[in-house]
Amino acid sequence: MFVRLLLWILLGFVVYTGYQAVKRVLNAPKPKPPEKTSRGEEMVKDPQCGTYLPRSDAHSAQINGQTCYFCSEKCRTAYQDRQRS
């Protein structure tokens, strides 16, 4: 009888510890993307696909009076088409 009680307590402890570990992983803060490259160049985010890239490598477009930066011509075209509709 006493051994069963100890096994149940041990099982409860293991389940609780596992639950806490999963909770910590799910609530962990997301890492921020780099603001600058290793060379000190500013990083920009593509509004279409969410990719971060150096400003010098980006394709830019004026959309609604703002300069937007894209990782490719394909993303720029898709974003412009989405803004028109």
N, C-alpha and C. Protein backbone atom coordinates (compact mmCIF):
# COMPACT_ATOMS: atom_id res chain seq x y z
N MET A 1 0.83 -1.19 0.00
CA MET A 1 0.00 0.00 0.00
C MET A 1 0.88 1.26 0.00
N PHE A 2 1.90 1.29 0.87
CA PHE A 2 2.79 2.44 0.96
C PHE A 2 3.60 2.62 -0.32
N VAL A 3 3.97 1.51 -0.96
CA VAL A 3 4.74 1.57 -2.21
C VAL A 3 3.89 2.18 -3.32
N ARG A 4 2.61 1.82 -3.39
CA ARG A 4 1.71 2.39 -4.41
C ARG A 4 1.59 3.90 -4.23
N LEU A 5 1.45 4.33 -2.99
CA LEU A 5 1.34 5.76 -2.71
C LEU A 5 2.61 6.49 -3.18
N LEU A 6 3.76 5.95 -2.90
CA LEU A 6 5.01 6.56 -3.36
C LEU A 6 5.11 6.59 -4.88
N LEU A 7 4.66 5.52 -5.53
CA LEU A 7 4.67 5.49 -7.00
C LEU A 7 3.73 6.55 -7.57
N TRP A 8 2.56 6.74 -6.98
CA TRP A 8 1.63 7.76 -7.45
C TRP A 8 2.21 9.17 -7.24
N ILE A 9 2.85 9.37 -6.11
CA ILE A 9 3.48 10.67 -5.87
C ILE A 9 4.60 10.91 -6.88
N LEU A 10 5.40 9.91 -7.14
CA LEU A 10 6.48 10.03 -8.12
C LEU A 10 5.92 10.31 -9.52
N LEU A 11 4.87 9.60 -9.88
CA LEU A 11 4.24 9.82 -11.19
C LEU A 11 3.70 11.24 -11.29
N GLY A 12 3.05 11.73 -10.25
CA GLY A 12 2.54 13.10 -10.23
C GLY A 12 3.64 14.11 -10.38
N PHE A 13 4.76 13.87 -9.71
CA PHE A 13 5.90 14.77 -9.81
C PHE A 13 6.46 14.81 -11.23
N VAL A 14 6.58 13.66 -11.86
CA VAL A 14 7.10 13.58 -13.23
C VAL A 14 6.17 14.30 -14.20
N VAL A 15 4.86 14.10 -14.05
CA VAL A 15 3.89 14.76 -14.93
C VAL A 15 3.95 16.28 -14.72
N TYR A 16 3.99 16.71 -13.48
CA TYR A 16 4.04 18.14 -13.18
C TYR A 16 5.32 18.78 -13.75
N THR A 17 6.44 18.12 -13.58
CA THR A 17 7.71 18.63 -14.10
C THR A 17 7.67 18.72 -15.64
N GLY A 18 7.11 17.72 -16.28
CA GLY A 18 6.97 17.75 -17.74
C GLY A 18 6.08 18.88 -18.20
N TYR A 19 4.97 19.08 -17.48
CA TYR A 19 4.05 20.17 -17.80
C TYR A 19 4.75 21.52 -17.68
N GLN A 20 5.51 21.73 -16.62
CA GLN A 20 6.23 22.98 -16.43
C GLN A 20 7.26 23.21 -17.54
N ALA A 21 7.94 22.15 -17.96
CA ALA A 21 8.94 22.28 -19.03
C ALA A 21 8.29 22.69 -20.34
N VAL A 22 7.17 22.06 -20.67
CA VAL A 22 6.45 22.40 -21.91
C VAL A 22 5.94 23.83 -21.84
N LYS A 23 5.42 24.22 -20.70
CA LYS A 23 4.90 25.58 -20.53
C LYS A 23 6.01 26.62 -20.71
N ARG A 24 7.21 26.33 -20.17
CA ARG A 24 8.34 27.25 -20.32
C ARG A 24 8.74 27.40 -21.78
N VAL A 25 8.75 26.28 -22.52
CA VAL A 25 9.15 26.33 -23.93
C VAL A 25 8.14 27.12 -24.75
N LEU A 26 6.85 26.92 -24.49
CA LEU A 26 5.82 27.60 -25.27
C LEU A 26 5.75 29.09 -24.95
N ASN A 27 6.11 29.49 -23.75
CA ASN A 27 6.04 30.89 -23.35
C ASN A 27 7.37 31.62 -23.48
N ALA A 28 8.36 30.98 -24.04
CA ALA A 28 9.68 31.61 -24.18
C ALA A 28 9.58 32.79 -25.15
N PRO A 29 10.26 33.89 -24.86
CA PRO A 29 10.22 35.03 -25.77
C PRO A 29 10.87 34.70 -27.10
N LYS A 30 10.30 35.21 -28.16
CA LYS A 30 10.83 34.99 -29.49
C LYS A 30 12.07 35.86 -29.69
N PRO A 31 13.11 35.34 -30.32
CA PRO A 31 14.31 36.15 -30.54
C PRO A 31 14.02 37.28 -31.53
N LYS A 32 14.55 38.45 -31.23
CA LYS A 32 14.37 39.59 -32.13
C LYS A 32 15.29 39.44 -33.33
N PRO A 33 14.81 39.84 -34.50
CA PRO A 33 15.69 39.79 -35.68
C PRO A 33 16.78 40.86 -35.53
N PRO A 34 17.89 40.65 -36.18
CA PRO A 34 18.98 41.63 -36.06
C PRO A 34 18.59 42.96 -36.69
N GLU A 35 19.00 44.04 -36.04
CA GLU A 35 18.72 45.37 -36.59
C GLU A 35 19.79 45.77 -37.61
N LYS A 36 20.97 45.21 -37.46
CA LYS A 36 22.06 45.52 -38.39
C LYS A 36 22.83 44.25 -38.71
N THR A 37 23.46 44.25 -39.87
CA THR A 37 24.31 43.13 -40.26
C THR A 37 25.63 43.23 -39.51
N SER A 38 26.49 42.24 -39.68
CA SER A 38 27.80 42.28 -39.03
C SER A 38 28.65 43.43 -39.56
N ARG A 39 28.33 43.91 -40.76
CA ARG A 39 29.05 45.06 -41.34
C ARG A 39 28.44 46.39 -40.91
N GLY A 40 27.34 46.36 -40.10
CA GLY A 40 26.72 47.58 -39.61
C GLY A 40 25.61 48.11 -40.49
N GLU A 41 25.23 47.34 -41.51
CA GLU A 41 24.18 47.79 -42.42
C GLU A 41 22.80 47.49 -41.84
N GLU A 42 21.86 48.39 -42.04
CA GLU A 42 20.51 48.24 -41.51
C GLU A 42 19.77 47.09 -42.20
N MET A 43 19.03 46.33 -41.39
CA MET A 43 18.20 45.25 -41.90
C MET A 43 16.78 45.77 -42.09
N VAL A 44 16.11 45.33 -43.16
CA VAL A 44 14.72 45.71 -43.43
C VAL A 44 13.89 44.44 -43.58
N LYS A 45 12.59 44.57 -43.30
CA LYS A 45 11.69 43.41 -43.37
C LYS A 45 10.81 43.52 -44.60
N ASP A 46 10.74 42.44 -45.36
CA ASP A 46 9.86 42.34 -46.52
C ASP A 46 8.42 42.21 -46.00
N PRO A 47 7.52 43.16 -46.35
CA PRO A 47 6.14 43.09 -45.84
C PRO A 47 5.32 41.96 -46.46
N GLN A 48 5.77 41.41 -47.55
CA GLN A 48 5.03 40.32 -48.20
C GLN A 48 5.32 38.97 -47.54
N CYS A 49 6.58 38.62 -47.39
CA CYS A 49 6.92 37.29 -46.88
C CYS A 49 7.56 37.31 -45.49
N GLY A 50 7.93 38.50 -44.98
CA GLY A 50 8.49 38.61 -43.65
C GLY A 50 9.98 38.34 -43.54
N THR A 51 10.67 38.22 -44.65
CA THR A 51 12.11 37.97 -44.65
C THR A 51 12.87 39.25 -44.29
N TYR A 52 13.91 39.11 -43.45
CA TYR A 52 14.79 40.23 -43.14
C TYR A 52 16.01 40.14 -44.04
N LEU A 53 16.42 41.30 -44.58
CA LEU A 53 17.59 41.34 -45.45
C LEU A 53 18.24 42.70 -45.37
N PRO A 54 19.53 42.80 -45.75
CA PRO A 54 20.19 44.10 -45.74
C PRO A 54 19.53 45.05 -46.73
N ARG A 55 19.45 46.31 -46.35
CA ARG A 55 18.78 47.30 -47.21
C ARG A 55 19.40 47.36 -48.60
N SER A 56 20.73 47.19 -48.69
CA SER A 56 21.39 47.29 -50.00
C SER A 56 21.00 46.14 -50.93
N ASP A 57 20.57 45.01 -50.38
CA ASP A 57 20.16 43.87 -51.21
C ASP A 57 18.68 43.90 -51.57
N ALA A 58 17.92 44.82 -50.98
CA ALA A 58 16.46 44.84 -51.14
C ALA A 58 16.02 45.55 -52.41
N HIS A 59 14.88 45.14 -52.90
CA HIS A 59 14.20 45.82 -54.00
C HIS A 59 13.20 46.77 -53.35
N SER A 60 13.22 48.04 -53.73
CA SER A 60 12.34 49.01 -53.08
C SER A 60 11.23 49.46 -54.03
N ALA A 61 10.16 49.97 -53.40
CA ALA A 61 9.04 50.52 -54.17
C ALA A 61 8.33 51.54 -53.29
N GLN A 62 7.82 52.59 -53.92
CA GLN A 62 7.00 53.58 -53.22
C GLN A 62 5.56 53.11 -53.27
N ILE A 63 4.99 52.83 -52.10
CA ILE A 63 3.61 52.35 -52.02
C ILE A 63 2.88 53.19 -50.99
N ASN A 64 1.82 53.86 -51.42
CA ASN A 64 1.02 54.73 -50.55
C ASN A 64 1.90 55.77 -49.85
N GLY A 65 2.88 56.32 -50.55
CA GLY A 65 3.74 57.35 -49.99
C GLY A 65 4.84 56.85 -49.07
N GLN A 66 4.99 55.54 -48.94
CA GLN A 66 6.03 54.96 -48.09
C GLN A 66 6.97 54.12 -48.93
N THR A 67 8.24 54.12 -48.56
CA THR A 67 9.21 53.25 -49.22
C THR A 67 9.15 51.88 -48.55
N CYS A 68 8.87 50.87 -49.33
CA CYS A 68 8.83 49.49 -48.84
C CYS A 68 9.98 48.72 -49.48
N TYR A 69 10.52 47.77 -48.74
CA TYR A 69 11.67 46.99 -49.21
C TYR A 69 11.26 45.52 -49.32
N PHE A 70 11.69 44.86 -50.40
CA PHE A 70 11.30 43.49 -50.70
C PHE A 70 12.52 42.63 -50.99
N CYS A 71 12.40 41.33 -50.75
CA CYS A 71 13.52 40.42 -50.98
C CYS A 71 13.66 40.07 -52.46
N SER A 72 12.57 40.21 -53.23
CA SER A 72 12.63 39.85 -54.64
C SER A 72 11.58 40.63 -55.43
N GLU A 73 11.73 40.59 -56.74
CA GLU A 73 10.73 41.20 -57.62
C GLU A 73 9.38 40.52 -57.46
N LYS A 74 9.41 39.21 -57.26
CA LYS A 74 8.17 38.43 -57.09
C LYS A 74 7.38 38.92 -55.88
N CYS A 75 8.06 39.12 -54.74
CA CYS A 75 7.38 39.61 -53.55
C CYS A 75 6.88 41.03 -53.75
N ARG A 76 7.67 41.87 -54.43
CA ARG A 76 7.24 43.25 -54.67
C ARG A 76 5.98 43.27 -55.53
N THR A 77 5.96 42.49 -56.59
CA THR A 77 4.79 42.43 -57.46
C THR A 77 3.56 41.89 -56.72
N ALA A 78 3.74 40.84 -55.95
CA ALA A 78 2.63 40.26 -55.20
C ALA A 78 2.07 41.24 -54.20
N TYR A 79 2.94 42.00 -53.51
CA TYR A 79 2.49 42.98 -52.53
C TYR A 79 1.75 44.12 -53.22
N GLN A 80 2.27 44.59 -54.37
CA GLN A 80 1.60 45.68 -55.10
C GLN A 80 0.22 45.21 -55.58
N ASP A 81 0.12 43.97 -56.07
CA ASP A 81 -1.16 43.45 -56.51
C ASP A 81 -2.15 43.35 -55.35
N ARG A 82 -1.65 42.94 -54.18
CA ARG A 82 -2.51 42.82 -52.99
C ARG A 82 -2.99 44.17 -52.53
N GLN A 83 -2.17 45.22 -52.68
CA GLN A 83 -2.55 46.56 -52.26
C GLN A 83 -3.60 47.17 -53.19
N ARG A 84 -3.56 46.78 -54.45
CA ARG A 84 -4.52 47.31 -55.43
C ARG A 84 -5.92 46.75 -55.24
N SER A 85 -6.01 45.52 -54.72
CA SER A 85 -7.36 44.92 -54.60
C SER A 85 -7.99 45.19 -53.26
